[in-house]
């Protein structure tokens, strides 16, 4: 997962996109990519990414396969949705863990915002509390407005589930085989023997 996220960050840099890590813990990473055509550039990444490798202690032994699920969800512009009444919002600032280490533990930089009427909530976890609050408010406002406009949380969850489901093999987006250095893109049908190049951020090799 960390390697795939690093690949995305390098890819984003080549496309002049900015990256903001908003939440990271064991098993999941959440980030915001912004810039020209960000949504279009990452639209094909939603789904299952299969990684095949040998463990460091078993070179030439049993091959291990793991799966990373990727969801690409659009975030509206800050002023494109109506603001929420402050009486409907509950804000919590918590101590966190992950990138930032002791600094995060001391400053309680994690921000969790809950919309009381709907029960919707969002958590943003990075180093700066003020930035986290701004991002969390933007996310919760968009989610609440989506529900008000008829795009219910059930539809949002269905969208996310459809992007991250772990079912049929046809759901695969890409296979990264470190065993033989091969990367196969199941969307475009392209493949390359330059696995290292892809992981350095050159997704153009298979797109």
C-alpha atoms as a PDB file:
ATOM      1  CA  UNK A   1       0.000   0.000   0.000  1.00  0.00           C
ATOM      2  CA  UNK A   2       2.757   2.455   0.928  1.00  0.00           C
ATOM      3  CA  UNK A   3       4.588   1.757  -2.334  1.00  0.00           C
ATOM      4  CA  UNK A   4       1.442   2.319  -4.396  1.00  0.00           C
ATOM      5  CA  UNK A   5       0.736   5.604  -2.600  1.00  0.00           C
ATOM      6  CA  UNK A   6       4.349   6.687  -3.187  1.00  0.00           C
ATOM      7  CA  UNK A   7       3.869   5.838  -6.879  1.00  0.00           C
ATOM      8  CA  UNK A   8       0.760   8.033  -6.993  1.00  0.00           C
ATOM      9  CA  UNK A   9       2.610  10.912  -5.335  1.00  0.00           C
ATOM     10  CA  UNK A  10       5.396  10.715  -7.918  1.00  0.00           C
ATOM     11  CA  UNK A  11       2.851  10.463 -10.746  1.00  0.00           C
ATOM     12  CA  UNK A  12       1.013  13.497  -9.351  1.00  0.00           C
ATOM     13  CA  UNK A  13       4.261  15.481  -9.253  1.00  0.00           C
ATOM     14  CA  UNK A  14       4.894  14.831 -12.942  1.00  0.00           C
ATOM     15  CA  UNK A  15       1.369  16.095 -13.686  1.00  0.00           C
ATOM     16  CA  UNK A  16       1.807  19.212 -11.516  1.00  0.00           C
ATOM     17  CA  UNK A  17      -0.732  18.086  -8.923  1.00  0.00           C
ATOM     18  CA  UNK A  18      -0.422  18.789  -5.212  1.00  0.00           C
ATOM     19  CA  UNK A  19      -0.889  16.076  -2.586  1.00  0.00           C
ATOM     20  CA  UNK A  20      -2.205  16.514   0.944  1.00  0.00           C
ATOM     21  CA  UNK A  21      -2.181  13.475   3.262  1.00  0.00           C
ATOM     22  CA  UNK A  22      -5.325  13.711   5.400  1.00  0.00           C
ATOM     23  CA  UNK A  23      -5.423  10.369   7.206  1.00  0.00           C
ATOM     24  CA  UNK A  24      -3.045   7.445   7.618  1.00  0.00           C
ATOM     25  CA  UNK A  25      -3.160   4.393   9.837  1.00  0.00           C
ATOM     26  CA  UNK A  26      -2.399   0.704   9.547  1.00  0.00           C
ATOM     27  CA  UNK A  27      -4.206  -0.578   6.505  1.00  0.00           C
ATOM     28  CA  UNK A  28      -5.474   2.676   4.968  1.00  0.00           C
ATOM     29  CA  UNK A  29      -4.326   5.992   3.530  1.00  0.00           C
ATOM     30  CA  UNK A  30      -6.508   8.986   2.654  1.00  0.00           C
ATOM     31  CA  UNK A  31      -5.199  11.910   0.625  1.00  0.00           C
ATOM     32  CA  UNK A  32      -6.406  14.811  -1.507  1.00  0.00           C
ATOM     33  CA  UNK A  33      -4.889  15.390  -4.960  1.00  0.00           C
ATOM     34  CA  UNK A  34      -5.575  18.807  -6.437  1.00  0.00           C
ATOM     35  CA  UNK A  35      -4.634  20.462  -9.696  1.00  0.00           C
ATOM     36  CA  UNK A  36      -5.508  20.489 -13.412  1.00  0.00           C
ATOM     37  CA  UNK A  37      -7.636  17.453 -14.368  1.00  0.00           C
ATOM     38  CA  UNK A  38      -6.857  15.614 -11.120  1.00  0.00           C
ATOM     39  CA  UNK A  39     -10.081  13.626 -11.190  1.00  0.00           C
ATOM     40  CA  UNK A  40      -9.595  12.619 -14.825  1.00  0.00           C
ATOM     41  CA  UNK A  41      -6.002  11.545 -14.243  1.00  0.00           C
ATOM     42  CA  UNK A  42      -6.944   9.257 -11.355  1.00  0.00           C
ATOM     43  CA  UNK A  43     -10.351   8.069 -12.587  1.00  0.00           C
ATOM     44  CA  UNK A  44      -8.914   4.793 -13.925  1.00  0.00           C
ATOM     45  CA  UNK A  45      -7.272   3.943 -10.596  1.00  0.00           C
ATOM     46  CA  UNK A  46     -10.498   2.964  -8.768  1.00  0.00           C
ATOM     47  CA  UNK A  47     -10.628  -0.750  -7.976  1.00  0.00           C
ATOM     48  CA  UNK A  48      -8.311  -3.595  -7.001  1.00  0.00           C
ATOM     49  CA  UNK A  49      -4.537  -3.451  -7.403  1.00  0.00           C
ATOM     50  CA  UNK A  50      -2.815  -6.827  -7.090  1.00  0.00           C
ATOM     51  CA  UNK A  51       0.791  -7.000  -5.850  1.00  0.00           C
ATOM     52  CA  UNK A  52       2.871 -10.163  -6.231  1.00  0.00           C
ATOM     53  CA  UNK A  53       6.223 -10.503  -4.504  1.00  0.00           C
ATOM     54  CA  UNK A  54       8.557 -12.781  -2.598  1.00  0.00           C
ATOM     55  CA  UNK A  55       9.012 -11.950   1.107  1.00  0.00           C
ATOM     56  CA  UNK A  56      12.503 -10.676   1.934  1.00  0.00           C
ATOM     57  CA  UNK A  57      13.176 -13.849   3.931  1.00  0.00           C
ATOM     58  CA  UNK A  58      11.984 -16.202   1.182  1.00  0.00           C
ATOM     59  CA  UNK A  59      13.748 -15.143  -1.998  1.00  0.00           C
ATOM     60  CA  UNK A  60      12.849 -17.696  -4.639  1.00  0.00           C
ATOM     61  CA  UNK A  61      10.354 -19.363  -2.284  1.00  0.00           C
ATOM     62  CA  UNK A  62       6.606 -19.077  -1.948  1.00  0.00           C
ATOM     63  CA  UNK A  63       5.081 -16.125  -3.791  1.00  0.00           C
ATOM     64  CA  UNK A  64       2.833 -13.804  -1.783  1.00  0.00           C
ATOM     65  CA  UNK A  65      -0.083 -11.944  -3.316  1.00  0.00           C
ATOM     66  CA  UNK A  66      -1.769  -8.954  -1.687  1.00  0.00           C
ATOM     67  CA  UNK A  67      -4.573  -6.664  -2.835  1.00  0.00           C
ATOM     68  CA  UNK A  68      -4.897  -2.888  -2.379  1.00  0.00           C
ATOM     69  CA  UNK A  69      -8.311  -1.295  -2.918  1.00  0.00           C
ATOM     70  CA  UNK A  70      -8.331   2.241  -4.331  1.00  0.00           C
ATOM     71  CA  UNK A  71     -11.297   4.636  -4.330  1.00  0.00           C
ATOM     72  CA  UNK A  72     -11.280   7.942  -6.214  1.00  0.00           C
ATOM     73  CA  UNK A  73     -14.013  10.246  -4.920  1.00  0.00           C
ATOM     74  CA  UNK A  74     -14.511  13.848  -6.137  1.00  0.00           C
ATOM     75  CA  UNK A  75     -14.442  16.670  -3.575  1.00  0.00           C
ATOM     76  CA  UNK A  76     -16.456  19.785  -4.563  1.00  0.00           C
ATOM     77  CA  UNK A  77     -14.929  23.245  -4.540  1.00  0.00           C
ATOM     78  CA  UNK A  78     -15.103  24.924  -1.132  1.00  0.00           C
ATOM     79  CA  UNK A  79     -17.684  27.527  -2.183  1.00  0.00           C
ATOM     80  CA  UNK A  80     -19.785  25.276  -4.392  1.00  0.00           C
ATOM     81  CA  UNK A  81     -21.923  23.939  -1.516  1.00  0.00           C
ATOM     82  CA  UNK A  82     -24.056  25.627   1.143  1.00  0.00           C
ATOM     83  CA  UNK A  83     -22.532  26.129   4.606  1.00  0.00           C
ATOM     84  CA  UNK A  84     -23.889  24.254   7.629  1.00  0.00           C
ATOM     85  CA  UNK A  85     -25.339  25.848  10.800  1.00  0.00           C
ATOM     86  CA  UNK A  86     -22.764  25.776  13.608  1.00  0.00           C
ATOM     87  CA  UNK A  87     -25.405  24.345  15.969  1.00  0.00           C
ATOM     88  CA  UNK A  88     -25.555  21.217  13.784  1.00  0.00           C
ATOM     89  CA  UNK A  89     -21.804  20.578  13.989  1.00  0.00           C
ATOM     90  CA  UNK A  90     -19.802  18.796  16.688  1.00  0.00           C
ATOM     91  CA  UNK A  91     -16.025  19.259  16.451  1.00  0.00           C
ATOM     92  CA  UNK A  92     -13.476  17.125  18.355  1.00  0.00           C
ATOM     93  CA  UNK A  93      -9.706  17.613  18.413  1.00  0.00           C
ATOM     94  CA  UNK A  94      -7.839  14.443  19.313  1.00  0.00           C
ATOM     95  CA  UNK A  95      -4.287  13.219  19.733  1.00  0.00           C
ATOM     96  CA  UNK A  96      -3.259  11.121  16.783  1.00  0.00           C
ATOM     97  CA  UNK A  97      -0.629   8.711  15.568  1.00  0.00           C
ATOM     98  CA  UNK A  98       1.165   8.194  12.285  1.00  0.00           C
ATOM     99  CA  UNK A  99       3.171  10.782  10.304  1.00  0.00           C
ATOM    100  CA  UNK A 100       4.268  13.520  12.671  1.00  0.00           C
ATOM    101  CA  UNK A 101       5.043  11.280  15.631  1.00  0.00           C
ATOM    102  CA  UNK A 102       5.446  13.034  18.959  1.00  0.00           C
ATOM    103  CA  UNK A 103       4.413  16.392  17.474  1.00  0.00           C
ATOM    104  CA  UNK A 104       0.947  15.020  16.768  1.00  0.00           C
ATOM    105  CA  UNK A 105       0.648  13.503  20.230  1.00  0.00           C
ATOM    106  CA  UNK A 106       1.375  16.864  21.880  1.00  0.00           C
ATOM    107  CA  UNK A 107      -0.796  19.098  19.698  1.00  0.00           C
ATOM    108  CA  UNK A 108      -3.966  16.960  19.346  1.00  0.00           C
ATOM    109  CA  UNK A 109      -4.039  17.762  15.631  1.00  0.00           C
ATOM    110  CA  UNK A 110      -6.603  15.145  14.570  1.00  0.00           C
ATOM    111  CA  UNK A 111      -9.967  16.760  13.802  1.00  0.00           C
ATOM    112  CA  UNK A 112     -13.214  14.806  13.813  1.00  0.00           C
ATOM    113  CA  UNK A 113     -16.413  16.575  12.754  1.00  0.00           C
ATOM    114  CA  UNK A 114     -19.877  15.099  13.131  1.00  0.00           C
ATOM    115  CA  UNK A 115     -23.081  16.457  11.630  1.00  0.00           C
ATOM    116  CA  UNK A 116     -25.584  15.827  14.427  1.00  0.00           C
ATOM    117  CA  UNK A 117     -28.841  15.771  12.417  1.00  0.00           C
ATOM    118  CA  UNK A 118     -27.605  13.098   9.996  1.00  0.00           C
ATOM    119  CA  UNK A 119     -24.902  11.363  12.025  1.00  0.00           C
ATOM    120  CA  UNK A 120     -22.415  11.773   9.187  1.00  0.00           C
ATOM    121  CA  UNK A 121     -18.825  12.222  10.343  1.00  0.00           C
ATOM    122  CA  UNK A 122     -15.343  12.698   8.934  1.00  0.00           C
ATOM    123  CA  UNK A 123     -11.850  12.510  10.444  1.00  0.00           C
ATOM    124  CA  UNK A 124      -8.757  14.294   9.121  1.00  0.00           C
ATOM    125  CA  UNK A 125      -5.374  13.439  10.534  1.00  0.00           C
ATOM    126  CA  UNK A 126      -2.262  15.427   9.571  1.00  0.00           C
ATOM    127  CA  UNK A 127       0.095  17.813  11.370  1.00  0.00           C
ATOM    128  CA  UNK A 128      -1.761  21.120  11.262  1.00  0.00           C
ATOM    129  CA  UNK A 129      -4.993  21.385  13.251  1.00  0.00           C
ATOM    130  CA  UNK A 130      -6.263  24.516  11.479  1.00  0.00           C
ATOM    131  CA  UNK A 131      -5.753  22.946   8.073  1.00  0.00           C
ATOM    132  CA  UNK A 132      -7.393  19.733   9.276  1.00  0.00           C
ATOM    133  CA  UNK A 133     -10.439  21.634  10.504  1.00  0.00           C
ATOM    134  CA  UNK A 134     -10.774  23.433   7.156  1.00  0.00           C
ATOM    135  CA  UNK A 135     -10.502  20.211   5.167  1.00  0.00           C
ATOM    136  CA  UNK A 136     -12.863  18.318   7.487  1.00  0.00           C
ATOM    137  CA  UNK A 137     -15.466  21.088   7.222  1.00  0.00           C
ATOM    138  CA  UNK A 138     -15.193  21.014   3.454  1.00  0.00           C
ATOM    139  CA  UNK A 139     -15.665  17.242   3.390  1.00  0.00           C
ATOM    140  CA  UNK A 140     -18.574  17.078   5.863  1.00  0.00           C
ATOM    141  CA  UNK A 141     -20.344  20.006   4.166  1.00  0.00           C
ATOM    142  CA  UNK A 142     -20.103  18.257   0.798  1.00  0.00           C
ATOM    143  CA  UNK A 143     -21.393  14.988   2.276  1.00  0.00           C
ATOM    144  CA  UNK A 144     -24.370  16.658   3.984  1.00  0.00           C
ATOM    145  CA  UNK A 145     -25.270  18.678   0.897  1.00  0.00           C
ATOM    146  CA  UNK A 146     -25.093  15.527  -1.203  1.00  0.00           C
ATOM    147  CA  UNK A 147     -27.642  13.935   1.103  1.00  0.00           C
ATOM    148  CA  UNK A 148     -29.882  16.989   1.025  1.00  0.00           C
ATOM    149  CA  UNK A 149     -29.738  17.036  -2.769  1.00  0.00           C
ATOM    150  CA  UNK A 150     -30.917  13.450  -2.925  1.00  0.00           C
ATOM    151  CA  UNK A 151     -27.495  11.782  -3.244  1.00  0.00           C
ATOM    152  CA  UNK A 152     -27.849   9.813  -0.018  1.00  0.00           C
ATOM    153  CA  UNK A 153     -25.075   8.325   2.025  1.00  0.00           C
ATOM    154  CA  UNK A 154     -26.287   4.943   0.797  1.00  0.00           C
ATOM    155  CA  UNK A 155     -25.514   6.002  -2.771  1.00  0.00           C
ATOM    156  CA  UNK A 156     -22.144   7.406  -1.689  1.00  0.00           C
ATOM    157  CA  UNK A 157     -21.317   4.172   0.135  1.00  0.00           C
ATOM    158  CA  UNK A 158     -22.466   2.142  -2.872  1.00  0.00           C
ATOM    159  CA  UNK A 159     -20.115   4.184  -5.063  1.00  0.00           C
ATOM    160  CA  UNK A 160     -17.247   3.552  -2.684  1.00  0.00           C
ATOM    161  CA  UNK A 161     -18.111  -0.137  -2.343  1.00  0.00           C
ATOM    162  CA  UNK A 162     -18.288  -0.529  -6.116  1.00  0.00           C
ATOM    163  CA  UNK A 163     -14.790   0.964  -6.383  1.00  0.00           C
ATOM    164  CA  UNK A 164     -13.210  -1.101  -3.596  1.00  0.00           C
ATOM    165  CA  UNK A 165     -15.068  -4.427  -3.789  1.00  0.00           C
ATOM    166  CA  UNK A 166     -12.892  -7.516  -3.491  1.00  0.00           C
ATOM    167  CA  UNK A 167     -14.978  -9.870  -5.612  1.00  0.00           C
ATOM    168  CA  UNK A 168     -14.581 -10.996  -9.197  1.00  0.00           C
ATOM    169  CA  UNK A 169     -11.285 -10.992 -11.026  1.00  0.00           C
ATOM    170  CA  UNK A 170     -12.797  -8.585 -13.549  1.00  0.00           C
ATOM    171  CA  UNK A 171     -12.677  -5.864 -10.893  1.00  0.00           C
ATOM    172  CA  UNK A 172      -8.885  -5.691 -11.110  1.00  0.00           C
ATOM    173  CA  UNK A 173      -7.270  -2.483 -12.304  1.00  0.00           C
ATOM    174  CA  UNK A 174      -3.616  -3.425 -12.354  1.00  0.00           C
ATOM    175  CA  UNK A 175      -1.223  -6.235 -11.357  1.00  0.00           C
ATOM    176  CA  UNK A 176       2.287  -5.418 -10.147  1.00  0.00           C
ATOM    177  CA  UNK A 177       4.468  -8.530 -10.226  1.00  0.00           C
ATOM    178  CA  UNK A 178       7.780  -7.896  -8.500  1.00  0.00           C
ATOM    179  CA  UNK A 179       8.479 -11.594  -9.049  1.00  0.00           C
ATOM    180  CA  UNK A 180       9.130 -11.155 -12.791  1.00  0.00           C
ATOM    181  CA  UNK A 181       9.194  -7.346 -13.070  1.00  0.00           C
ATOM    182  CA  UNK A 182       5.910  -7.235 -14.993  1.00  0.00           C
ATOM    183  CA  UNK A 183       3.040  -4.735 -14.673  1.00  0.00           C
ATOM    184  CA  UNK A 184      -0.294  -5.472 -16.379  1.00  0.00           C
ATOM    185  CA  UNK A 185      -3.045  -2.851 -16.693  1.00  0.00           C
ATOM    186  CA  UNK A 186      -6.377  -4.691 -16.924  1.00  0.00           C
ATOM    187  CA  UNK A 187      -8.220  -1.523 -18.029  1.00  0.00           C
ATOM    188  CA  UNK A 188      -6.046  -0.502 -20.969  1.00  0.00           C
ATOM    189  CA  UNK A 189      -4.733  -3.982 -21.762  1.00  0.00           C
ATOM    190  CA  UNK A 190      -1.162  -2.657 -21.796  1.00  0.00           C
ATOM    191  CA  UNK A 191       1.784  -4.272 -20.023  1.00  0.00           C
ATOM    192  CA  UNK A 192       5.414  -3.441 -19.363  1.00  0.00           C
ATOM    193  CA  UNK A 193       8.481  -5.218 -18.035  1.00  0.00           C
ATOM    194  CA  UNK A 194       9.608  -1.980 -16.370  1.00  0.00           C
ATOM    195  CA  UNK A 195       7.986  -2.548 -12.971  1.00  0.00           C
ATOM    196  CA  UNK A 196      10.539  -0.309 -11.276  1.00  0.00           C
ATOM    197  CA  UNK A 197       9.727   2.517 -13.677  1.00  0.00           C
ATOM    198  CA  UNK A 198       6.022   2.272 -12.898  1.00  0.00           C
ATOM    199  CA  UNK A 199       6.628   2.316  -9.138  1.00  0.00           C
ATOM    200  CA  UNK A 200       8.765   5.430  -9.610  1.00  0.00           C
ATOM    201  CA  UNK A 201       5.629   7.170 -10.853  1.00  0.00           C
ATOM    202  CA  UNK A 202       5.681   6.556 -14.606  1.00  0.00           C
ATOM    203  CA  UNK A 203       2.112   5.283 -14.984  1.00  0.00           C
ATOM    204  CA  UNK A 204       2.309   6.329 -18.612  1.00  0.00           C
ATOM    205  CA  UNK A 205       4.049   3.015 -19.268  1.00  0.00           C
ATOM    206  CA  UNK A 206       0.713   1.209 -18.938  1.00  0.00           C
ATOM    207  CA  UNK A 207      -1.862   3.980 -19.589  1.00  0.00           C
END
